[in-house]
Amino acid sequence: MAPKAESLMSLRAVRQLRRVRTFYTAGVLLWAAAATWTGWTHPGSRQMWASLLLLAVFTGLLATASLWLHRLKAAEGHKPAHHAAPRRAITPRHVNA
């Protein structure tokens, strides 16, 4: 079984990746809207290409965060079962007994 600190780090990582994924989703939506608007009003302009570049960046970041989150969840689900002995003092056995 994984140590408790490793389990907490995994939970923190999942929580943070969910927040980051939400932020990147908002960025993708914002830059998609901006690219659409500038493409409609000023097709081929520098602003349109900048919006498309930022859309591509945020899409890549969103895909990366989603992939990491998926891998963390998959690794979390395949943890081995805990088969350790109970935590109690082991009494020595006597040869005569």
PDB file of N, CA and C in Angstrom:
ATOM      1  N   MET A   1       0.848  -1.185   0.000  1.00  0.00           N
ATOM      2  CA  MET A   1       0.000   0.000   0.000  1.00  0.00           C
ATOM      3  C   MET A   1       0.882   1.233   0.000  1.00  0.00           C
ATOM      4  N   ALA A   2       0.413   2.278  -0.647  1.00  0.00           N
ATOM      5  CA  ALA A   2       1.172   3.517  -0.735  1.00  0.00           C
ATOM      6  C   ALA A   2       1.184   4.215   0.623  1.00  0.00           C
ATOM      7  N   PRO A   3       2.281   4.869   0.937  1.00  0.00           N
ATOM      8  CA  PRO A   3       2.323   5.618   2.190  1.00  0.00           C
ATOM      9  C   PRO A   3       1.257   6.707   2.212  1.00  0.00           C
ATOM     10  N   LYS A   4       0.904   7.126   3.428  1.00  0.00           N
ATOM     11  CA  LYS A   4      -0.164   8.110   3.583  1.00  0.00           C
ATOM     12  C   LYS A   4       0.193   9.434   2.907  1.00  0.00           C
ATOM     13  N   ALA A   5       1.462   9.831   3.004  1.00  0.00           N
ATOM     14  CA  ALA A   5       1.884  11.090   2.384  1.00  0.00           C
ATOM     15  C   ALA A   5       1.709  11.027   0.870  1.00  0.00           C
ATOM     16  N   GLU A   6       1.999   9.880   0.266  1.00  0.00           N
ATOM     17  CA  GLU A   6       1.842   9.739  -1.177  1.00  0.00           C
ATOM     18  C   GLU A   6       0.370   9.806  -1.564  1.00  0.00           C
ATOM     19  N   SER A   7      -0.483   9.237  -0.741  1.00  0.00           N
ATOM     20  CA  SER A   7      -1.922   9.284  -1.004  1.00  0.00           C
ATOM     21  C   SER A   7      -2.436  10.718  -0.933  1.00  0.00           C
ATOM     22  N   LEU A   8      -1.953  11.485   0.055  1.00  0.00           N
ATOM     23  CA  LEU A   8      -2.361  12.884   0.170  1.00  0.00           C
ATOM     24  C   LEU A   8      -1.868  13.694  -1.023  1.00  0.00           C
ATOM     25  N   MET A   9      -0.647  13.417  -1.469  1.00  0.00           N
ATOM     26  CA  MET A   9      -0.121  14.126  -2.634  1.00  0.00           C
ATOM     27  C   MET A   9      -0.962  13.820  -3.864  1.00  0.00           C
ATOM     28  N   SER A  10      -1.400  12.570  -3.986  1.00  0.00           N
ATOM     29  CA  SER A  10      -2.229  12.189  -5.122  1.00  0.00           C
ATOM     30  C   SER A  10      -3.569  12.919  -5.069  1.00  0.00           C
ATOM     31  N   LEU A  11      -4.160  13.005  -3.894  1.00  0.00           N
ATOM     32  CA  LEU A  11      -5.436  13.712  -3.758  1.00  0.00           C
ATOM     33  C   LEU A  11      -5.269  15.197  -4.060  1.00  0.00           C
ATOM     34  N   ARG A  12      -4.164  15.778  -3.592  1.00  0.00           N
ATOM     35  CA  ARG A  12      -3.910  17.187  -3.879  1.00  0.00           C
ATOM     36  C   ARG A  12      -3.705  17.410  -5.368  1.00  0.00           C
ATOM     37  N   ALA A  13      -2.978  16.491  -5.992  1.00  0.00           N
ATOM     38  CA  ALA A  13      -2.717  16.621  -7.431  1.00  0.00           C
ATOM     39  C   ALA A  13      -4.017  16.541  -8.219  1.00  0.00           C
ATOM     40  N   VAL A  14      -4.891  15.616  -7.846  1.00  0.00           N
ATOM     41  CA  VAL A  14      -6.172  15.480  -8.539  1.00  0.00           C
ATOM     42  C   VAL A  14      -7.005  16.741  -8.355  1.00  0.00           C
ATOM     43  N   ARG A  15      -7.046  17.259  -7.140  1.00  0.00           N
ATOM     44  CA  ARG A  15      -7.819  18.468  -6.867  1.00  0.00           C
ATOM     45  C   ARG A  15      -7.280  19.653  -7.665  1.00  0.00           C
ATOM     46  N   GLN A  16      -5.956  19.795  -7.684  1.00  0.00           N
ATOM     47  CA  GLN A  16      -5.360  20.905  -8.409  1.00  0.00           C
ATOM     48  C   GLN A  16      -5.556  20.752  -9.915  1.00  0.00           C
ATOM     49  N   LEU A  17      -5.422  19.539 -10.426  1.00  0.00           N
ATOM     50  CA  LEU A  17      -5.628  19.323 -11.854  1.00  0.00           C
ATOM     51  C   LEU A  17      -7.065  19.612 -12.266  1.00  0.00           C
ATOM     52  N   ARG A  18      -8.016  19.329 -11.396  1.00  0.00           N
ATOM     53  CA  ARG A  18      -9.415  19.661 -11.710  1.00  0.00           C
ATOM     54  C   ARG A  18      -9.610  21.169 -11.805  1.00  0.00           C
ATOM     55  N   ARG A  19      -8.980  21.917 -10.856  1.00  0.00           N
ATOM     56  CA  ARG A  19      -9.083  23.379 -10.906  1.00  0.00           C
ATOM     57  C   ARG A  19      -8.421  23.929 -12.161  1.00  0.00           C
ATOM     58  N   VAL A  20      -7.237  23.413 -12.480  1.00  0.00           N
ATOM     59  CA  VAL A  20      -6.506  23.886 -13.645  1.00  0.00           C
ATOM     60  C   VAL A  20      -7.271  23.544 -14.917  1.00  0.00           C
ATOM     61  N   ARG A  21      -7.865  22.356 -14.941  1.00  0.00           N
ATOM     62  CA  ARG A  21      -8.647  21.959 -16.121  1.00  0.00           C
ATOM     63  C   ARG A  21      -9.829  22.892 -16.328  1.00  0.00           C
ATOM     64  N   THR A  22     -10.479  23.313 -15.252  1.00  0.00           N
ATOM     65  CA  THR A  22     -11.577  24.270 -15.354  1.00  0.00           C
ATOM     66  C   THR A  22     -11.085  25.605 -15.900  1.00  0.00           C
ATOM     67  N   PHE A  23      -9.927  26.051 -15.412  1.00  0.00           N
ATOM     68  CA  PHE A  23      -9.346  27.305 -15.893  1.00  0.00           C
ATOM     69  C   PHE A  23      -9.009  27.209 -17.379  1.00  0.00           C
ATOM     70  N   TYR A  24      -8.408  26.107 -17.798  1.00  0.00           N
ATOM     71  CA  TYR A  24      -8.050  25.937 -19.202  1.00  0.00           C
ATOM     72  C   TYR A  24      -9.288  25.817 -20.089  1.00  0.00           C
ATOM     73  N   THR A  25     -10.338  25.212 -19.577  1.00  0.00           N
ATOM     74  CA  THR A  25     -11.589  25.137 -20.337  1.00  0.00           C
ATOM     75  C   THR A  25     -12.150  26.539 -20.564  1.00  0.00           C
ATOM     76  N   ALA A  26     -12.112  27.362 -19.522  1.00  0.00           N
ATOM     77  CA  ALA A  26     -12.566  28.750 -19.675  1.00  0.00           C
ATOM     78  C   ALA A  26     -11.691  29.487 -20.683  1.00  0.00           C
ATOM     79  N   GLY A  27     -10.382  29.244 -20.655  1.00  0.00           N
ATOM     80  CA  GLY A  27      -9.482  29.869 -21.615  1.00  0.00           C
ATOM     81  C   GLY A  27      -9.771  29.437 -23.037  1.00  0.00           C
ATOM     82  N   VAL A  28     -10.045  28.146 -23.224  1.00  0.00           N
ATOM     83  CA  VAL A  28     -10.384  27.652 -24.568  1.00  0.00           C
ATOM     84  C   VAL A  28     -11.660  28.309 -25.062  1.00  0.00           C
ATOM     85  N   LEU A  29     -12.662  28.399 -24.210  1.00  0.00           N
ATOM     86  CA  LEU A  29     -13.920  29.028 -24.622  1.00  0.00           C
ATOM     87  C   LEU A  29     -13.730  30.510 -24.937  1.00  0.00           C
ATOM     88  N   LEU A  30     -12.961  31.206 -24.101  1.00  0.00           N
ATOM     89  CA  LEU A  30     -12.710  32.626 -24.325  1.00  0.00           C
ATOM     90  C   LEU A  30     -11.980  32.854 -25.645  1.00  0.00           C
ATOM     91  N   TRP A  31     -10.911  32.105 -25.885  1.00  0.00           N
ATOM     92  CA  TRP A  31     -10.125  32.326 -27.100  1.00  0.00           C
ATOM     93  C   TRP A  31     -10.833  31.812 -28.342  1.00  0.00           C
ATOM     94  N   ALA A  32     -11.706  30.818 -28.192  1.00  0.00           N
ATOM     95  CA  ALA A  32     -12.513  30.389 -29.343  1.00  0.00           C
ATOM     96  C   ALA A  32     -13.490  31.495 -29.732  1.00  0.00           C
ATOM     97  N   ALA A  33     -14.098  32.106 -28.714  1.00  0.00           N
ATOM     98  CA  ALA A  33     -15.018  33.218 -28.999  1.00  0.00           C
ATOM     99  C   ALA A  33     -14.266  34.400 -29.600  1.00  0.00           C
ATOM    100  N   ALA A  34     -13.080  34.700 -29.044  1.00  0.00           N
ATOM    101  CA  ALA A  34     -12.297  35.829 -29.560  1.00  0.00           C
ATOM    102  C   ALA A  34     -11.830  35.559 -30.989  1.00  0.00           C
ATOM    103  N   ALA A  35     -11.387  34.335 -31.259  1.00  0.00           N
ATOM    104  CA  ALA A  35     -10.931  34.000 -32.616  1.00  0.00           C
ATOM    105  C   ALA A  35     -12.087  34.049 -33.598  1.00  0.00           C
ATOM    106  N   THR A  36     -13.248  33.586 -33.181  1.00  0.00           N
ATOM    107  CA  THR A  36     -14.425  33.631 -34.056  1.00  0.00           C
ATOM    108  C   THR A  36     -14.818  35.080 -34.345  1.00  0.00           C
ATOM    109  N   TRP A  37     -14.844  35.897 -33.293  1.00  0.00           N
ATOM    110  CA  TRP A  37     -15.239  37.295 -33.459  1.00  0.00           C
ATOM    111  C   TRP A  37     -14.267  38.047 -34.359  1.00  0.00           C
ATOM    112  N   THR A  38     -12.963  37.910 -34.070  1.00  0.00           N
ATOM    113  CA  THR A  38     -11.990  38.642 -34.882  1.00  0.00           C
ATOM    114  C   THR A  38     -11.912  38.081 -36.297  1.00  0.00           C
ATOM    115  N   GLY A  39     -12.128  36.781 -36.436  1.00  0.00           N
ATOM    116  CA  GLY A  39     -12.167  36.202 -37.775  1.00  0.00           C
ATOM    117  C   GLY A  39     -13.349  36.700 -38.574  1.00  0.00           C
ATOM    118  N   TRP A  40     -14.440  36.998 -37.896  1.00  0.00           N
ATOM    119  CA  TRP A  40     -15.649  37.496 -38.561  1.00  0.00           C
ATOM    120  C   TRP A  40     -15.490  38.966 -38.942  1.00  0.00           C
ATOM    121  N   THR A  41     -14.955  39.752 -37.984  1.00  0.00           N
ATOM    122  CA  THR A  41     -14.865  41.185 -38.225  1.00  0.00           C
ATOM    123  C   THR A  41     -13.618  41.587 -39.014  1.00  0.00           C
ATOM    124  N   HIS A  42     -12.502  40.930 -38.763  1.00  0.00           N
ATOM    125  CA  HIS A  42     -11.237  41.261 -39.432  1.00  0.00           C
ATOM    126  C   HIS A  42     -10.541  39.980 -39.881  1.00  0.00           C
ATOM    127  N   PRO A  43     -11.035  39.341 -40.915  1.00  0.00           N
ATOM    128  CA  PRO A  43     -10.428  38.074 -41.336  1.00  0.00           C
ATOM    129  C   PRO A  43      -8.980  38.263 -41.792  1.00  0.00           C
ATOM    130  N   GLY A  44      -8.115  37.360 -41.324  1.00  0.00           N
ATOM    131  CA  GLY A  44      -6.717  37.400 -41.716  1.00  0.00           C
ATOM    132  C   GLY A  44      -5.877  38.426 -40.985  1.00  0.00           C
ATOM    133  N   SER A  45      -6.434  39.069 -39.969  1.00  0.00           N
ATOM    134  CA  SER A  45      -5.693  40.100 -39.252  1.00  0.00           C
ATOM    135  C   SER A  45      -4.740  39.473 -38.233  1.00  0.00           C
ATOM    136  N   ARG A  46      -3.850  40.303 -37.726  1.00  0.00           N
ATOM    137  CA  ARG A  46      -2.888  39.855 -36.722  1.00  0.00           C
ATOM    138  C   ARG A  46      -3.610  39.431 -35.432  1.00  0.00           C
ATOM    139  N   GLN A  47      -4.672  40.162 -35.081  1.00  0.00           N
ATOM    140  CA  GLN A  47      -5.436  39.832 -33.873  1.00  0.00           C
ATOM    141  C   GLN A  47      -6.088  38.454 -34.001  1.00  0.00           C
ATOM    142  N   MET A  48      -6.580  38.120 -35.185  1.00  0.00           N
ATOM    143  CA  MET A  48      -7.201  36.820 -35.393  1.00  0.00           C
ATOM    144  C   MET A  48      -6.161  35.714 -35.220  1.00  0.00           C
ATOM    145  N   TRP A  49      -4.964  35.894 -35.787  1.00  0.00           N
ATOM    146  CA  TRP A  49      -3.930  34.870 -35.666  1.00  0.00           C
ATOM    147  C   TRP A  49      -3.434  34.744 -34.233  1.00  0.00           C
ATOM    148  N   ALA A  50      -3.366  35.850 -33.515  1.00  0.00           N
ATOM    149  CA  ALA A  50      -2.970  35.792 -32.105  1.00  0.00           C
ATOM    150  C   ALA A  50      -4.023  35.037 -31.288  1.00  0.00           C
ATOM    151  N   SER A  51      -5.291  35.292 -31.584  1.00  0.00           N
ATOM    152  CA  SER A  51      -6.372  34.574 -30.895  1.00  0.00           C
ATOM    153  C   SER A  51      -6.315  33.084 -31.201  1.00  0.00           C
ATOM    154  N   LEU A  52      -6.056  32.738 -32.450  1.00  0.00           N
ATOM    155  CA  LEU A  52      -5.952  31.327 -32.820  1.00  0.00           C
ATOM    156  C   LEU A  52      -4.746  30.656 -32.156  1.00  0.00           C
ATOM    157  N   LEU A  53      -3.635  31.406 -32.048  1.00  0.00           N
ATOM    158  CA  LEU A  53      -2.459  30.860 -31.373  1.00  0.00           C
ATOM    159  C   LEU A  53      -2.755  30.591 -29.902  1.00  0.00           C
ATOM    160  N   LEU A  54      -3.384  31.549 -29.232  1.00  0.00           N
ATOM    161  CA  LEU A  54      -3.727  31.351 -27.823  1.00  0.00           C
ATOM    162  C   LEU A  54      -4.781  30.259 -27.650  1.00  0.00           C
ATOM    163  N   LEU A  55      -5.677  30.124 -28.609  1.00  0.00           N
ATOM    164  CA  LEU A  55      -6.641  29.021 -28.576  1.00  0.00           C
ATOM    165  C   LEU A  55      -5.912  27.692 -28.660  1.00  0.00           C
ATOM    166  N   ALA A  56      -4.918  27.595 -29.540  1.00  0.00           N
ATOM    167  CA  ALA A  56      -4.142  26.351 -29.667  1.00  0.00           C
ATOM    168  C   ALA A  56      -3.354  26.063 -28.397  1.00  0.00           C
ATOM    169  N   VAL A  57      -2.782  27.100 -27.781  1.00  0.00           N
ATOM    170  CA  VAL A  57      -2.021  26.915 -26.537  1.00  0.00           C
ATOM    171  C   VAL A  57      -2.933  26.402 -25.430  1.00  0.00           C
ATOM    172  N   PHE A  58      -4.069  27.042 -25.238  1.00  0.00           N
ATOM    173  CA  PHE A  58      -4.984  26.621 -24.173  1.00  0.00           C
ATOM    174  C   PHE A  58      -5.579  25.239 -24.453  1.00  0.00           C
ATOM    175  N   THR A  59      -5.797  24.917 -25.718  1.00  0.00           N
ATOM    176  CA  THR A  59      -6.295  23.586 -26.057  1.00  0.00           C
ATOM    177  C   THR A  59      -5.253  22.521 -25.711  1.00  0.00           C
ATOM    178  N   GLY A  60      -3.998  22.810 -26.015  1.00  0.00           N
ATOM    179  CA  GLY A  60      -2.922  21.876 -25.658  1.00  0.00           C
ATOM    180  C   GLY A  60      -2.782  21.716 -24.156  1.00  0.00           C
ATOM    181  N   LEU A  61      -2.863  22.819 -23.415  1.00  0.00           N
ATOM    182  CA  LEU A  61      -2.785  22.743 -21.955  1.00  0.00           C
ATOM    183  C   LEU A  61      -3.967  21.974 -21.374  1.00  0.00           C
ATOM    184  N   LEU A  62      -5.152  22.186 -21.931  1.00  0.00           N
ATOM    185  CA  LEU A  62      -6.338  21.458 -21.474  1.00  0.00           C
ATOM    186  C   LEU A  62      -6.188  19.964 -21.749  1.00  0.00           C
ATOM    187  N   ALA A  63      -5.694  19.620 -22.919  1.00  0.00           N
ATOM    188  CA  ALA A  63      -5.508  18.198 -23.250  1.00  0.00           C
ATOM    189  C   ALA A  63      -4.477  17.558 -22.324  1.00  0.00           C
ATOM    190  N   THR A  64      -3.398  18.270 -22.044  1.00  0.00           N
ATOM    191  CA  THR A  64      -2.360  17.739 -21.155  1.00  0.00           C
ATOM    192  C   THR A  64      -2.896  17.547 -19.740  1.00  0.00           C
ATOM    193  N   ALA A  65      -3.592  18.536 -19.206  1.00  0.00           N
ATOM    194  CA  ALA A  65      -4.153  18.425 -17.851  1.00  0.00           C
ATOM    195  C   ALA A  65      -5.175  17.294 -17.781  1.00  0.00           C
ATOM    196  N   SER A  66      -5.997  17.147 -18.819  1.00  0.00           N
ATOM    197  CA  SER A  66      -6.992  16.071 -18.828  1.00  0.00           C
ATOM    198  C   SER A  66      -6.317  14.703 -18.881  1.00  0.00           C
ATOM    199  N   LEU A  67      -5.248  14.599 -19.668  1.00  0.00           N
ATOM    200  CA  LEU A  67      -4.517  13.335 -19.762  1.00  0.00           C
ATOM    201  C   LEU A  67      -3.879  12.979 -18.429  1.00  0.00           C
ATOM    202  N   TRP A  68      -3.249  13.943 -17.764  1.00  0.00           N
ATOM    203  CA  TRP A  68      -2.642  13.682 -16.459  1.00  0.00           C
ATOM    204  C   TRP A  68      -3.694  13.290 -15.431  1.00  0.00           C
ATOM    205  N   LEU A  69      -4.827  13.962 -15.455  1.00  0.00           N
ATOM    206  CA  LEU A  69      -5.901  13.636 -14.515  1.00  0.00           C
ATOM    207  C   LEU A  69      -6.406  12.219 -14.774  1.00  0.00           C
ATOM    208  N   HIS A  70      -6.554  11.859 -16.026  1.00  0.00           N
ATOM    209  CA  HIS A  70      -7.004  10.507 -16.378  1.00  0.00           C
ATOM    210  C   HIS A  70      -5.994   9.462 -15.897  1.00  0.00           C
ATOM    211  N   ARG A  71      -4.713   9.742 -16.078  1.00  0.00           N
ATOM    212  CA  ARG A  71      -3.671   8.798 -15.644  1.00  0.00           C
ATOM    213  C   ARG A  71      -3.627   8.677 -14.126  1.00  0.00           C
ATOM    214  N   LEU A  72      -3.804   9.791 -13.411  1.00  0.00           N
ATOM    215  CA  LEU A  72      -3.811   9.728 -11.953  1.00  0.00           C
ATOM    216  C   LEU A  72      -5.000   8.922 -11.444  1.00  0.00           C
ATOM    217  N   LYS A  73      -6.145   9.112 -12.063  1.00  0.00           N
ATOM    218  CA  LYS A  73      -7.327   8.354 -11.650  1.00  0.00           C
ATOM    219  C   LYS A  73      -7.163   6.871 -11.969  1.00  0.00           C
ATOM    220  N   ALA A  74      -6.547   6.546 -13.104  1.00  0.00           N
ATOM    221  CA  ALA A  74      -6.332   5.148 -13.474  1.00  0.00           C
ATOM    222  C   ALA A  74      -5.337   4.496 -12.526  1.00  0.00           C
ATOM    223  N   ALA A  75      -4.287   5.213 -12.148  1.00  0.00           N
ATOM    224  CA  ALA A  75      -3.296   4.670 -11.218  1.00  0.00           C
ATOM    225  C   ALA A  75      -3.902   4.511  -9.832  1.00  0.00           C
ATOM    226  N   GLU A  76      -4.788   5.406  -9.465  1.00  0.00           N
ATOM    227  CA  GLU A  76      -5.439   5.336  -8.154  1.00  0.00           C
ATOM    228  C   GLU A  76      -6.367   4.125  -8.069  1.00  0.00           C
ATOM    229  N   GLY A  77      -7.014   3.792  -9.163  1.00  0.00           N
ATOM    230  CA  GLY A  77      -7.944   2.672  -9.176  1.00  0.00           C
ATOM    231  C   GLY A  77      -7.269   1.314  -9.170  1.00  0.00           C
ATOM    232  N   HIS A  78      -5.974   1.250  -9.532  1.00  0.00           N
ATOM    233  CA  HIS A  78      -5.267  -0.028  -9.609  1.00  0.00           C
ATOM    234  C   HIS A  78      -4.308  -0.237  -8.457  1.00  0.00           C
ATOM    235  N   LYS A  79      -4.601   0.352  -7.315  1.00  0.00           N
ATOM    236  CA  LYS A  79      -3.742   0.162  -6.157  1.00  0.00           C
ATOM    237  C   LYS A  79      -3.883  -1.278  -5.667  1.00  0.00           C
ATOM    238  N   PRO A  80      -2.792  -1.893  -5.268  1.00  0.00           N
ATOM    239  CA  PRO A  80      -2.886  -3.251  -4.747  1.00  0.00           C
ATOM    240  C   PRO A  80      -3.610  -3.274  -3.402  1.00  0.00           C
ATOM    241  N   ALA A  81      -4.218  -4.394  -3.124  1.00  0.00           N
ATOM    242  CA  ALA A  81      -4.939  -4.546  -1.860  1.00  0.00           C
ATOM    243  C   ALA A  81      -3.942  -4.572  -0.706  1.00  0.00           C
ATOM    244  N   HIS A  82      -4.370  -4.129   0.446  1.00  0.00           N
ATOM    245  CA  HIS A  82      -3.509  -4.076   1.623  1.00  0.00           C
ATOM    246  C   HIS A  82      -3.590  -5.416   2.342  1.00  0.00           C
ATOM    247  N   HIS A  83      -2.479  -6.131   2.335  1.00  0.00           N
ATOM    248  CA  HIS A  83      -2.444  -7.451   2.969  1.00  0.00           C
ATOM    249  C   HIS A  83      -1.396  -7.519   4.064  1.00  0.00           C
ATOM    250  N   ALA A  84      -1.090  -6.421   4.680  1.00  0.00           N
ATOM    251  CA  ALA A  84      -0.064  -6.412   5.717  1.00  0.00           C
ATOM    252  C   ALA A  84      -0.624  -6.973   7.015  1.00  0.00           C
ATOM    253  N   ALA A  85       0.284  -7.428   7.849  1.00  0.00           N
ATOM    254  CA  ALA A  85      -0.110  -7.957   9.150  1.00  0.00           C
ATOM    255  C   ALA A  85      -0.607  -6.823  10.028  1.00  0.00           C
ATOM    256  N   PRO A  86      -1.477  -7.126  10.984  1.00  0.00           N
ATOM    257  CA  PRO A  86      -1.974  -6.076  11.880  1.00  0.00           C
ATOM    258  C   PRO A  86      -0.824  -5.482  12.695  1.00  0.00           C
ATOM    259  N   ARG A  87      -1.006  -4.234  13.110  1.00  0.00           N
ATOM    260  CA  ARG A  87       0.039  -3.563  13.881  1.00  0.00           C
ATOM    261  C   ARG A  87      -0.090  -3.912  15.353  1.00  0.00           C
ATOM    262  N   ARG A  88       0.582  -4.947  15.749  1.00  0.00           N
ATOM    263  CA  ARG A  88       0.630  -5.335  17.167  1.00  0.00           C
ATOM    264  C   ARG A  88       2.008  -5.899  17.441  1.00  0.00           C
ATOM    265  N   ALA A  89       2.359  -5.912  18.678  1.00  0.00           N
ATOM    266  CA  ALA A  89       3.679  -6.409  19.044  1.00  0.00           C
ATOM    267  C   ALA A  89       3.753  -7.908  18.759  1.00  0.00           C
ATOM    268  N   ILE A  90       4.859  -8.316  18.196  1.00  0.00           N
ATOM    269  CA  ILE A  90       5.056  -9.734  17.905  1.00  0.00           C
ATOM    270  C   ILE A  90       5.780 -10.349  19.095  1.00  0.00           C
ATOM    271  N   THR A  91       5.144 -11.330  19.687  1.00  0.00           N
ATOM    272  CA  THR A  91       5.778 -11.991  20.835  1.00  0.00           C
ATOM    273  C   THR A  91       6.677 -13.109  20.322  1.00  0.00           C
ATOM    274  N   PRO A  92       7.867 -13.230  20.903  1.00  0.00           N
ATOM    275  CA  PRO A  92       8.776 -14.281  20.442  1.00  0.00           C
ATOM    276  C   PRO A  92       8.244 -15.662  20.831  1.00  0.00           C
ATOM    277  N   ARG A  93       8.436 -16.602  19.951  1.00  0.00           N
ATOM    278  CA  ARG A  93       8.017 -17.987  20.265  1.00  0.00           C
ATOM    279  C   ARG A  93       9.165 -18.725  20.933  1.00  0.00           C
ATOM    280  N   HIS A  94       8.795 -19.477  21.923  1.00  0.00           N
ATOM    281  CA  HIS A  94       9.802 -20.263  22.630  1.00  0.00           C
ATOM    282  C   HIS A  94       9.960 -21.614  21.957  1.00  0.00           C
ATOM    283  N   VAL A  95      11.153 -22.080  21.966  1.00  0.00           N
ATOM    284  CA  VAL A  95      11.431 -23.365  21.336  1.00  0.00           C
ATOM    285  C   VAL A  95      10.742 -24.494  22.102  1.00  0.00           C
ATOM    286  N   ASN A  96      10.583 -24.347  23.403  1.00  0.00           N
ATOM    287  CA  ASN A  96       9.979 -25.399  24.228  1.00  0.00           C
ATOM    288  C   ASN A  96       8.479 -25.448  24.107  1.00  0.00           C
ATOM    289  N   ALA A  97       7.882 -24.445  23.665  1.00  0.00           N
ATOM    290  CA  ALA A  97       6.425 -24.397  23.691  1.00  0.00           C
ATOM    291  C   ALA A  97       5.789 -25.212  22.645  1.00  0.00           C
TER     292      ALA A  97
END
